[in-house]
Amino acid sequence: MAWAAPAGRRVPEDVAVVGYDGTDLAQALQLTTVDQPLEETGRIAAALLLGQLDGTGRPSQQVNLTPTLIVRATS
């Protein structure tokens, strides 16, 4: 966002800015962000690891999680 004003651009009027992973900094900057379900990610990762350790898991598994778009002032 620091380059926008010197380039004659306004956020969000001319340029939308979107970050990844909702952090405290993103919230403080009012940055629109794609937030990942961290608790769910950890829970699934632990379950997959335990499955590998006890022999009940599959060798390879794809997991799709749904992110959340948090719209704030930068878009």
C-alpha atoms as a PDB file:
ATOM      1  CA  MET A   1       0.000   0.000   0.000  1.00  0.00           C
ATOM      2  CA  ALA A   2       3.008   2.277   0.491  1.00  0.00           C
ATOM      3  CA  TRP A   3       3.596   2.589  -3.272  1.00  0.00           C
ATOM      4  CA  ALA A   4       0.020   3.625  -4.072  1.00  0.00           C
ATOM      5  CA  ALA A   5       0.074   7.306  -2.994  1.00  0.00           C
ATOM      6  CA  PRO A   6       3.431   8.162  -4.618  1.00  0.00           C
ATOM      7  CA  ALA A   7       2.148   6.517  -7.812  1.00  0.00           C
ATOM      8  CA  GLY A   8      -0.961   8.682  -7.714  1.00  0.00           C
ATOM      9  CA  ARG A   9      -3.231   5.770  -6.802  1.00  0.00           C
ATOM     10  CA  ARG A  10      -5.787   5.556  -4.020  1.00  0.00           C
ATOM     11  CA  VAL A  11      -6.677   2.461  -2.011  1.00  0.00           C
ATOM     12  CA  PRO A  12      -9.372   1.178  -2.529  1.00  0.00           C
ATOM     13  CA  GLU A  13     -10.712   3.622  -5.126  1.00  0.00           C
ATOM     14  CA  ASP A  14      -8.031   2.855  -7.745  1.00  0.00           C
ATOM     15  CA  VAL A  15      -6.338  -0.273  -6.411  1.00  0.00           C
ATOM     16  CA  ALA A  16      -7.712  -2.998  -4.150  1.00  0.00           C
ATOM     17  CA  VAL A  17      -5.273  -4.633  -1.749  1.00  0.00           C
ATOM     18  CA  VAL A  18      -5.937  -8.093  -0.333  1.00  0.00           C
ATOM     19  CA  GLY A  19      -3.691  -9.983   2.069  1.00  0.00           C
ATOM     20  CA  TYR A  20      -3.491 -13.633   3.027  1.00  0.00           C
ATOM     21  CA  ASP A  21      -4.093 -14.944   6.546  1.00  0.00           C
ATOM     22  CA  GLY A  22      -5.966 -12.632   8.843  1.00  0.00           C
ATOM     23  CA  THR A  23      -3.416 -11.299  11.293  1.00  0.00           C
ATOM     24  CA  ASP A  24      -3.670  -8.644  13.960  1.00  0.00           C
ATOM     25  CA  LEU A  25      -1.682  -6.336  11.646  1.00  0.00           C
ATOM     26  CA  ALA A  26      -4.156  -6.907   8.808  1.00  0.00           C
ATOM     27  CA  GLN A  27      -6.979  -6.020  11.158  1.00  0.00           C
ATOM     28  CA  ALA A  28      -5.174  -2.904  12.413  1.00  0.00           C
ATOM     29  CA  LEU A  29      -4.512  -1.749   8.831  1.00  0.00           C
ATOM     30  CA  GLN A  30      -8.099  -2.546   7.824  1.00  0.00           C
ATOM     31  CA  LEU A  31      -6.647  -4.836   5.138  1.00  0.00           C
ATOM     32  CA  THR A  32      -9.059  -7.086   3.277  1.00  0.00           C
ATOM     33  CA  THR A  33      -7.746 -10.591   3.790  1.00  0.00           C
ATOM     34  CA  VAL A  34      -8.267 -14.253   2.969  1.00  0.00           C
ATOM     35  CA  ASP A  35      -8.368 -15.965   6.345  1.00  0.00           C
ATOM     36  CA  GLN A  36      -7.392 -19.619   6.704  1.00  0.00           C
ATOM     37  CA  PRO A  37      -9.126 -21.926   9.204  1.00  0.00           C
ATOM     38  CA  LEU A  38      -6.028 -22.450  11.374  1.00  0.00           C
ATOM     39  CA  GLU A  39      -7.709 -24.431  14.142  1.00  0.00           C
ATOM     40  CA  GLU A  40      -9.305 -26.796  11.646  1.00  0.00           C
ATOM     41  CA  THR A  41      -5.997 -27.109   9.783  1.00  0.00           C
ATOM     42  CA  GLY A  42      -4.219 -28.113  12.977  1.00  0.00           C
ATOM     43  CA  ARG A  43      -6.931 -30.574  13.961  1.00  0.00           C
ATOM     44  CA  ILE A  44      -6.852 -32.285  10.549  1.00  0.00           C
ATOM     45  CA  ALA A  45      -3.047 -32.331  10.439  1.00  0.00           C
ATOM     46  CA  ALA A  46      -2.918 -33.980  13.870  1.00  0.00           C
ATOM     47  CA  ALA A  47      -5.496 -36.587  12.848  1.00  0.00           C
ATOM     48  CA  LEU A  48      -3.590 -37.378   9.642  1.00  0.00           C
ATOM     49  CA  LEU A  49      -0.306 -37.685  11.545  1.00  0.00           C
ATOM     50  CA  LEU A  50      -1.852 -39.974  14.160  1.00  0.00           C
ATOM     51  CA  GLY A  51      -3.308 -42.095  11.364  1.00  0.00           C
ATOM     52  CA  GLN A  52       0.146 -42.479   9.864  1.00  0.00           C
ATOM     53  CA  LEU A  53       1.669 -43.360  13.218  1.00  0.00           C
ATOM     54  CA  ASP A  54      -0.908 -46.017  14.122  1.00  0.00           C
ATOM     55  CA  GLY A  55      -1.089 -47.452  10.590  1.00  0.00           C
ATOM     56  CA  THR A  56      -4.733 -46.560   9.896  1.00  0.00           C
ATOM     57  CA  GLY A  57      -4.019 -43.580   7.636  1.00  0.00           C
ATOM     58  CA  ARG A  58      -3.595 -43.528   3.886  1.00  0.00           C
ATOM     59  CA  PRO A  59      -0.115 -42.830   2.450  1.00  0.00           C
ATOM     60  CA  SER A  60      -1.306 -39.698   0.681  1.00  0.00           C
ATOM     61  CA  GLN A  61      -4.436 -37.681   1.189  1.00  0.00           C
ATOM     62  CA  GLN A  62      -5.700 -34.384  -0.178  1.00  0.00           C
ATOM     63  CA  VAL A  63      -7.681 -32.141   2.159  1.00  0.00           C
ATOM     64  CA  ASN A  64      -9.534 -29.050   0.983  1.00  0.00           C
ATOM     65  CA  LEU A  65     -10.365 -26.377   3.529  1.00  0.00           C
ATOM     66  CA  THR A  66     -12.591 -23.394   2.934  1.00  0.00           C
ATOM     67  CA  PRO A  67     -10.999 -19.985   3.506  1.00  0.00           C
ATOM     68  CA  THR A  68     -13.016 -16.933   4.493  1.00  0.00           C
ATOM     69  CA  LEU A  69     -12.813 -13.585   2.734  1.00  0.00           C
ATOM     70  CA  ILE A  70     -12.845 -10.768   5.279  1.00  0.00           C
ATOM     71  CA  VAL A  71     -13.659  -7.547   3.444  1.00  0.00           C
ATOM     72  CA  ARG A  72     -12.255  -4.415   5.029  1.00  0.00           C
ATOM     73  CA  ALA A  73     -11.312  -0.908   3.887  1.00  0.00           C
ATOM     74  CA  THR A  74      -8.723  -1.859   1.237  1.00  0.00           C
ATOM     75  CA  SER A  75     -11.117  -3.339  -1.286  1.00  0.00           C
END
